[in-house]
Amino acid sequence: MTAAHHHPIRPPVLPSDLGATRTVLAADRTLMAWIRTSLSMLSFGFTIYKFLQGLADNHQIAKTDSPQHVGMFLAATGTAAMVLGTLSYWTTLRDVARTGEFRLGRSVLTIALLMCVAGVSLFWAIATRLV
């Protein structure tokens, strides 16, 4: 295979300016913190929902919609945090891109977008009582 036909996977290119590079890396770390926070809220919301629903199903507490409401609230809050963090990240990268060319294909952005979809899916599953 010749070099002309070989297309290796290329990692994202960072800006050549060190200040811009530090800004992008700081934005990556900040988005990872948003991801951790969102994941905590989503998992805690699901856990609370299932725990309280299990108690209600076993007649250990009165049947109520509270487990569903608590789970939906935490799923919505976690999803909102992920969406806001992703938008902030995207805005930062767009501003840095104005200083020079670089590829925006960042793995942390991919994970953030997956978390947004997961949050919406969890909210919908709790709202429709699929889980």
N, C-alpha and C. Protein backbone atom coordinates (compact mmCIF):
# COMPACT_ATOMS: atom_id res chain seq x y z
N MET A 1 0.86 -1.17 0.00
CA MET A 1 0.00 0.00 0.00
C MET A 1 0.91 1.23 0.00
N THR A 2 0.62 2.14 -0.86
CA THR A 2 1.43 3.35 -0.96
C THR A 2 0.97 4.37 0.05
N ALA A 3 1.82 5.33 0.29
CA ALA A 3 1.49 6.38 1.26
C ALA A 3 0.29 7.19 0.81
N ALA A 4 0.09 7.29 -0.51
CA ALA A 4 -1.03 8.07 -1.03
C ALA A 4 -2.37 7.39 -0.74
N HIS A 5 -2.36 6.06 -0.60
CA HIS A 5 -3.60 5.33 -0.36
C HIS A 5 -3.84 5.04 1.11
N HIS A 6 -2.86 5.28 1.92
CA HIS A 6 -2.98 5.01 3.36
C HIS A 6 -3.54 6.25 4.06
N HIS A 7 -4.66 6.08 4.78
CA HIS A 7 -5.30 7.19 5.50
C HIS A 7 -5.33 6.87 6.99
N PRO A 8 -4.25 7.16 7.69
CA PRO A 8 -4.25 6.85 9.13
C PRO A 8 -5.25 7.75 9.86
N ILE A 9 -5.70 7.26 10.98
CA ILE A 9 -6.59 8.07 11.82
C ILE A 9 -5.74 9.16 12.44
N ARG A 10 -6.16 10.38 12.20
CA ARG A 10 -5.38 11.51 12.70
C ARG A 10 -6.04 12.07 13.95
N PRO A 11 -5.25 12.28 14.98
CA PRO A 11 -5.81 12.88 16.19
C PRO A 11 -6.14 14.35 15.93
N PRO A 12 -6.97 14.93 16.80
CA PRO A 12 -7.28 16.34 16.62
C PRO A 12 -6.01 17.18 16.65
N VAL A 13 -5.99 18.18 15.83
CA VAL A 13 -4.85 19.10 15.79
C VAL A 13 -5.15 20.25 16.73
N LEU A 14 -4.23 20.50 17.64
CA LEU A 14 -4.38 21.63 18.56
C LEU A 14 -3.87 22.89 17.88
N PRO A 15 -4.30 24.05 18.36
CA PRO A 15 -3.79 25.31 17.81
C PRO A 15 -2.28 25.39 18.00
N SER A 16 -1.61 26.14 17.13
CA SER A 16 -0.16 26.29 17.24
C SER A 16 0.23 27.26 18.36
N ASP A 17 -0.66 28.17 18.72
CA ASP A 17 -0.42 29.12 19.80
C ASP A 17 -0.56 28.40 21.14
N LEU A 18 0.46 28.48 21.99
CA LEU A 18 0.42 27.76 23.27
C LEU A 18 -0.70 28.24 24.18
N GLY A 19 -1.00 29.53 24.15
CA GLY A 19 -2.11 30.04 24.96
C GLY A 19 -3.44 29.44 24.52
N ALA A 20 -3.64 29.36 23.22
CA ALA A 20 -4.87 28.76 22.69
C ALA A 20 -4.91 27.27 23.02
N THR A 21 -3.76 26.61 22.95
CA THR A 21 -3.70 25.19 23.30
C THR A 21 -4.08 24.98 24.75
N ARG A 22 -3.56 25.80 25.64
CA ARG A 22 -3.90 25.69 27.07
C ARG A 22 -5.40 25.95 27.27
N THR A 23 -5.95 26.88 26.52
CA THR A 23 -7.38 27.16 26.63
C THR A 23 -8.21 25.96 26.20
N VAL A 24 -7.83 25.31 25.11
CA VAL A 24 -8.55 24.13 24.63
C VAL A 24 -8.45 23.00 25.65
N LEU A 25 -7.26 22.78 26.19
CA LEU A 25 -7.08 21.71 27.17
C LEU A 25 -7.85 22.02 28.47
N ALA A 26 -7.90 23.28 28.86
CA ALA A 26 -8.69 23.67 30.03
C ALA A 26 -10.18 23.45 29.76
N ALA A 27 -10.61 23.76 28.55
CA ALA A 27 -12.01 23.53 28.17
C ALA A 27 -12.32 22.03 28.20
N ASP A 28 -11.37 21.21 27.76
CA ASP A 28 -11.55 19.75 27.83
C ASP A 28 -11.75 19.31 29.28
N ARG A 29 -10.90 19.80 30.18
CA ARG A 29 -11.01 19.41 31.59
C ARG A 29 -12.33 19.90 32.19
N THR A 30 -12.74 21.10 31.82
CA THR A 30 -14.00 21.63 32.34
C THR A 30 -15.18 20.80 31.86
N LEU A 31 -15.16 20.42 30.57
CA LEU A 31 -16.25 19.59 30.06
C LEU A 31 -16.25 18.22 30.73
N MET A 32 -15.08 17.68 31.01
CA MET A 32 -15.03 16.40 31.73
C MET A 32 -15.64 16.53 33.13
N ALA A 33 -15.46 17.68 33.77
CA ALA A 33 -16.10 17.91 35.07
C ALA A 33 -17.62 17.98 34.91
N TRP A 34 -18.10 18.63 33.86
CA TRP A 34 -19.54 18.66 33.58
C TRP A 34 -20.06 17.24 33.35
N ILE A 35 -19.29 16.42 32.63
CA ILE A 35 -19.69 15.04 32.36
C ILE A 35 -19.80 14.26 33.67
N ARG A 36 -18.81 14.40 34.55
CA ARG A 36 -18.86 13.71 35.85
C ARG A 36 -20.07 14.15 36.66
N THR A 37 -20.33 15.45 36.69
CA THR A 37 -21.47 15.97 37.44
C THR A 37 -22.78 15.45 36.86
N SER A 38 -22.89 15.51 35.55
CA SER A 38 -24.10 15.03 34.89
C SER A 38 -24.32 13.54 35.13
N LEU A 39 -23.26 12.76 34.99
CA LEU A 39 -23.36 11.32 35.21
C LEU A 39 -23.79 11.02 36.63
N SER A 40 -23.25 11.76 37.60
CA SER A 40 -23.64 11.57 39.00
C SER A 40 -25.12 11.86 39.19
N MET A 41 -25.60 12.94 38.62
CA MET A 41 -27.01 13.29 38.76
C MET A 41 -27.91 12.26 38.09
N LEU A 42 -27.53 11.82 36.90
CA LEU A 42 -28.34 10.83 36.19
C LEU A 42 -28.37 9.51 36.95
N SER A 43 -27.22 9.04 37.40
CA SER A 43 -27.20 7.76 38.11
C SER A 43 -27.89 7.86 39.47
N PHE A 44 -27.73 8.97 40.15
CA PHE A 44 -28.41 9.14 41.43
C PHE A 44 -29.92 9.22 41.23
N GLY A 45 -30.36 9.92 40.19
CA GLY A 45 -31.79 10.00 39.89
C GLY A 45 -32.39 8.64 39.60
N PHE A 46 -31.68 7.82 38.81
CA PHE A 46 -32.16 6.48 38.49
C PHE A 46 -32.19 5.61 39.74
N THR A 47 -31.14 5.71 40.55
CA THR A 47 -31.06 4.89 41.77
C THR A 47 -32.18 5.24 42.74
N ILE A 48 -32.38 6.53 42.97
CA ILE A 48 -33.46 6.97 43.88
C ILE A 48 -34.81 6.48 43.35
N TYR A 49 -35.03 6.66 42.05
CA TYR A 49 -36.30 6.23 41.43
C TYR A 49 -36.53 4.74 41.67
N LYS A 50 -35.53 3.91 41.34
CA LYS A 50 -35.71 2.46 41.46
C LYS A 50 -35.82 2.04 42.93
N PHE A 51 -35.06 2.66 43.82
CA PHE A 51 -35.12 2.32 45.24
C PHE A 51 -36.50 2.63 45.81
N LEU A 52 -36.98 3.86 45.59
CA LEU A 52 -38.29 4.24 46.13
C LEU A 52 -39.42 3.46 45.45
N GLN A 53 -39.28 3.20 44.16
CA GLN A 53 -40.29 2.42 43.46
C GLN A 53 -40.34 0.99 44.00
N GLY A 54 -39.17 0.42 44.31
CA GLY A 54 -39.12 -0.92 44.89
C GLY A 54 -39.78 -0.97 46.26
N LEU A 55 -39.54 0.07 47.08
CA LEU A 55 -40.21 0.12 48.39
C LEU A 55 -41.72 0.21 48.22
N ALA A 56 -42.17 1.01 47.27
CA ALA A 56 -43.61 1.15 47.04
C ALA A 56 -44.21 -0.15 46.52
N ASP A 57 -43.49 -0.82 45.62
CA ASP A 57 -43.99 -2.09 45.07
C ASP A 57 -44.08 -3.18 46.13
N ASN A 58 -43.20 -3.12 47.14
CA ASN A 58 -43.22 -4.09 48.25
C ASN A 58 -44.07 -3.61 49.41
N HIS A 59 -44.83 -2.54 49.21
CA HIS A 59 -45.76 -1.99 50.20
C HIS A 59 -45.05 -1.56 51.48
N GLN A 60 -43.79 -1.16 51.36
CA GLN A 60 -43.07 -0.65 52.52
C GLN A 60 -43.27 0.85 52.68
N ILE A 61 -43.67 1.50 51.62
CA ILE A 61 -44.10 2.90 51.67
C ILE A 61 -45.37 3.01 50.85
N ALA A 62 -46.10 4.09 51.04
CA ALA A 62 -47.35 4.27 50.30
C ALA A 62 -47.06 4.47 48.81
N LYS A 63 -47.93 3.94 47.98
CA LYS A 63 -47.79 4.14 46.53
C LYS A 63 -47.93 5.64 46.25
N THR A 64 -46.99 6.15 45.50
CA THR A 64 -46.99 7.58 45.19
C THR A 64 -46.22 7.79 43.90
N ASP A 65 -46.39 8.95 43.31
CA ASP A 65 -45.62 9.30 42.12
C ASP A 65 -44.30 9.99 42.48
N SER A 66 -44.03 10.14 43.77
CA SER A 66 -42.80 10.82 44.19
C SER A 66 -41.53 10.20 43.62
N PRO A 67 -41.38 8.86 43.61
CA PRO A 67 -40.15 8.30 43.03
C PRO A 67 -39.97 8.73 41.57
N GLN A 68 -41.05 8.73 40.83
CA GLN A 68 -40.98 9.13 39.43
C GLN A 68 -40.60 10.60 39.32
N HIS A 69 -41.19 11.45 40.14
CA HIS A 69 -40.90 12.88 40.07
C HIS A 69 -39.46 13.19 40.47
N VAL A 70 -38.96 12.52 41.51
CA VAL A 70 -37.58 12.73 41.94
C VAL A 70 -36.62 12.26 40.85
N GLY A 71 -36.87 11.08 40.30
CA GLY A 71 -36.02 10.56 39.23
C GLY A 71 -36.03 11.44 38.01
N MET A 72 -37.22 11.93 37.62
CA MET A 72 -37.32 12.82 36.47
C MET A 72 -36.61 14.14 36.72
N PHE A 73 -36.74 14.67 37.94
CA PHE A 73 -36.08 15.93 38.27
C PHE A 73 -34.56 15.79 38.15
N LEU A 74 -34.00 14.73 38.74
CA LEU A 74 -32.55 14.55 38.68
C LEU A 74 -32.08 14.21 37.26
N ALA A 75 -32.87 13.45 36.52
CA ALA A 75 -32.51 13.17 35.12
C ALA A 75 -32.54 14.45 34.29
N ALA A 76 -33.54 15.28 34.52
CA ALA A 76 -33.64 16.55 33.79
C ALA A 76 -32.50 17.49 34.17
N THR A 77 -32.18 17.55 35.45
CA THR A 77 -31.10 18.42 35.92
C THR A 77 -29.75 17.95 35.38
N GLY A 78 -29.51 16.65 35.41
CA GLY A 78 -28.27 16.10 34.87
C GLY A 78 -28.15 16.34 33.37
N THR A 79 -29.26 16.18 32.67
CA THR A 79 -29.25 16.43 31.22
C THR A 79 -29.04 17.91 30.93
N ALA A 80 -29.70 18.77 31.68
CA ALA A 80 -29.51 20.21 31.48
C ALA A 80 -28.06 20.61 31.75
N ALA A 81 -27.46 20.04 32.79
CA ALA A 81 -26.05 20.33 33.09
C ALA A 81 -25.17 19.90 31.93
N MET A 82 -25.46 18.74 31.35
CA MET A 82 -24.65 18.24 30.24
C MET A 82 -24.82 19.12 29.00
N VAL A 83 -26.03 19.53 28.72
CA VAL A 83 -26.28 20.39 27.56
C VAL A 83 -25.61 21.74 27.75
N LEU A 84 -25.74 22.34 28.93
CA LEU A 84 -25.11 23.63 29.18
C LEU A 84 -23.59 23.54 29.13
N GLY A 85 -23.03 22.48 29.71
CA GLY A 85 -21.59 22.28 29.65
C GLY A 85 -21.10 22.10 28.22
N THR A 86 -21.85 21.35 27.42
CA THR A 86 -21.48 21.12 26.02
C THR A 86 -21.55 22.41 25.22
N LEU A 87 -22.60 23.20 25.45
CA LEU A 87 -22.73 24.47 24.74
C LEU A 87 -21.59 25.42 25.11
N SER A 88 -21.25 25.47 26.38
CA SER A 88 -20.14 26.31 26.83
C SER A 88 -18.83 25.86 26.19
N TYR A 89 -18.61 24.57 26.15
CA TYR A 89 -17.41 24.00 25.54
C TYR A 89 -17.35 24.35 24.05
N TRP A 90 -18.46 24.15 23.36
CA TRP A 90 -18.51 24.43 21.93
C TRP A 90 -18.23 25.92 21.66
N THR A 91 -18.77 26.78 22.49
CA THR A 91 -18.54 28.22 22.34
C THR A 91 -17.06 28.55 22.53
N THR A 92 -16.44 27.94 23.53
CA THR A 92 -15.01 28.17 23.77
C THR A 92 -14.18 27.71 22.58
N LEU A 93 -14.47 26.51 22.06
CA LEU A 93 -13.71 26.00 20.92
C LEU A 93 -13.93 26.86 19.68
N ARG A 94 -15.14 27.33 19.49
CA ARG A 94 -15.42 28.19 18.35
C ARG A 94 -14.62 29.49 18.45
N ASP A 95 -14.54 30.05 19.65
CA ASP A 95 -13.77 31.27 19.85
C ASP A 95 -12.28 31.03 19.62
N VAL A 96 -11.77 29.88 20.09
CA VAL A 96 -10.36 29.56 19.88
C VAL A 96 -10.09 29.32 18.39
N ALA A 97 -11.04 28.74 17.69
CA ALA A 97 -10.87 28.46 16.26
C ALA A 97 -10.70 29.75 15.46
N ARG A 98 -11.19 30.83 15.99
CA ARG A 98 -11.03 32.12 15.30
C ARG A 98 -9.58 32.59 15.31
N THR A 99 -8.79 32.08 16.27
CA THR A 99 -7.38 32.49 16.35
C THR A 99 -6.49 31.66 15.42
N GLY A 100 -6.96 30.53 14.98
CA GLY A 100 -6.18 29.68 14.09
C GLY A 100 -6.94 28.41 13.76
N GLU A 101 -6.50 27.72 12.74
CA GLU A 101 -7.17 26.50 12.32
C GLU A 101 -6.76 25.31 13.17
N PHE A 102 -7.74 24.53 13.57
CA PHE A 102 -7.49 23.23 14.19
C PHE A 102 -8.77 22.42 14.09
N ARG A 103 -8.63 21.11 14.19
CA ARG A 103 -9.80 20.22 14.08
C ARG A 103 -10.53 20.14 15.42
N LEU A 104 -11.84 20.16 15.34
CA LEU A 104 -12.65 20.13 16.55
C LEU A 104 -13.02 18.72 16.98
N GLY A 105 -12.55 17.69 16.28
CA GLY A 105 -12.90 16.32 16.61
C GLY A 105 -12.29 15.88 17.92
N ARG A 106 -12.89 16.26 19.02
CA ARG A 106 -12.35 15.98 20.35
C ARG A 106 -13.17 14.85 20.97
N SER A 107 -12.51 13.89 21.57
CA SER A 107 -13.20 12.75 22.17
C SER A 107 -14.12 13.17 23.31
N VAL A 108 -13.72 14.18 24.06
CA VAL A 108 -14.55 14.63 25.18
C VAL A 108 -15.88 15.20 24.67
N LEU A 109 -15.88 15.81 23.49
CA LEU A 109 -17.12 16.31 22.91
C LEU A 109 -18.03 15.15 22.51
N THR A 110 -17.45 14.09 21.99
CA THR A 110 -18.24 12.91 21.62
C THR A 110 -18.91 12.31 22.85
N ILE A 111 -18.16 12.19 23.93
CA ILE A 111 -18.72 11.64 25.18
C ILE A 111 -19.82 12.55 25.71
N ALA A 112 -19.62 13.85 25.63
CA ALA A 112 -20.63 14.80 26.10
C ALA A 112 -21.92 14.66 25.31
N LEU A 113 -21.80 14.53 24.01
CA LEU A 113 -23.00 14.37 23.18
C LEU A 113 -23.72 13.05 23.49
N LEU A 114 -22.95 11.99 23.73
CA LEU A 114 -23.56 10.71 24.13
C LEU A 114 -24.28 10.84 25.47
N MET A 115 -23.68 11.60 26.40
CA MET A 115 -24.32 11.81 27.70
C MET A 115 -25.62 12.59 27.56
N CYS A 116 -25.66 13.54 26.63
CA CYS A 116 -26.90 14.29 26.39
C CYS A 116 -28.00 13.34 25.93
N VAL A 117 -27.67 12.47 25.00
CA VAL A 117 -28.65 11.49 24.51
C VAL A 117 -29.06 10.54 25.63
N ALA A 118 -28.10 10.09 26.42
CA ALA A 118 -28.41 9.18 27.53
C ALA A 118 -29.34 9.85 28.54
N GLY A 119 -29.09 11.11 28.83
CA GLY A 119 -29.93 11.84 29.78
C GLY A 119 -31.36 11.98 29.30
N VAL A 120 -31.52 12.34 28.05
CA VAL A 120 -32.87 12.47 27.48
C VAL A 120 -33.56 11.11 27.49
N SER A 121 -32.82 10.06 27.16
CA SER A 121 -33.39 8.70 27.15
C SER A 121 -33.81 8.26 28.54
N LEU A 122 -32.98 8.55 29.54
CA LEU A 122 -33.32 8.19 30.92
C LEU A 122 -34.55 8.95 31.39
N PHE A 123 -34.60 10.25 31.09
CA PHE A 123 -35.77 11.03 31.48
C PHE A 123 -37.04 10.45 30.86
N TRP A 124 -36.97 10.13 29.58
CA TRP A 124 -38.13 9.57 28.89
C TRP A 124 -38.52 8.22 29.47
N ALA A 125 -37.52 7.38 29.78
CA ALA A 125 -37.81 6.05 30.35
C ALA A 125 -38.48 6.16 31.71
N ILE A 126 -38.02 7.10 32.53
CA ILE A 126 -38.65 7.28 33.84
C ILE A 126 -40.04 7.88 33.68
N ALA A 127 -40.18 8.85 32.79
CA ALA A 127 -41.48 9.52 32.60
C ALA A 127 -42.54 8.53 32.09
N THR A 128 -42.13 7.60 31.25
CA THR A 128 -43.09 6.63 30.71
C THR A 128 -43.07 5.32 31.48
N ARG A 129 -42.27 5.28 32.55
CA ARG A 129 -42.15 4.11 33.44
C ARG A 129 -41.71 2.85 32.69
N LEU A 130 -40.77 3.04 31.75
CA LEU A 130 -40.22 1.89 31.04
C LEU A 130 -39.19 1.14 31.87
N VAL A 131 -38.62 1.82 32.88
CA VAL A 131 -37.61 1.17 33.72
C VAL A 131 -38.17 0.94 35.10
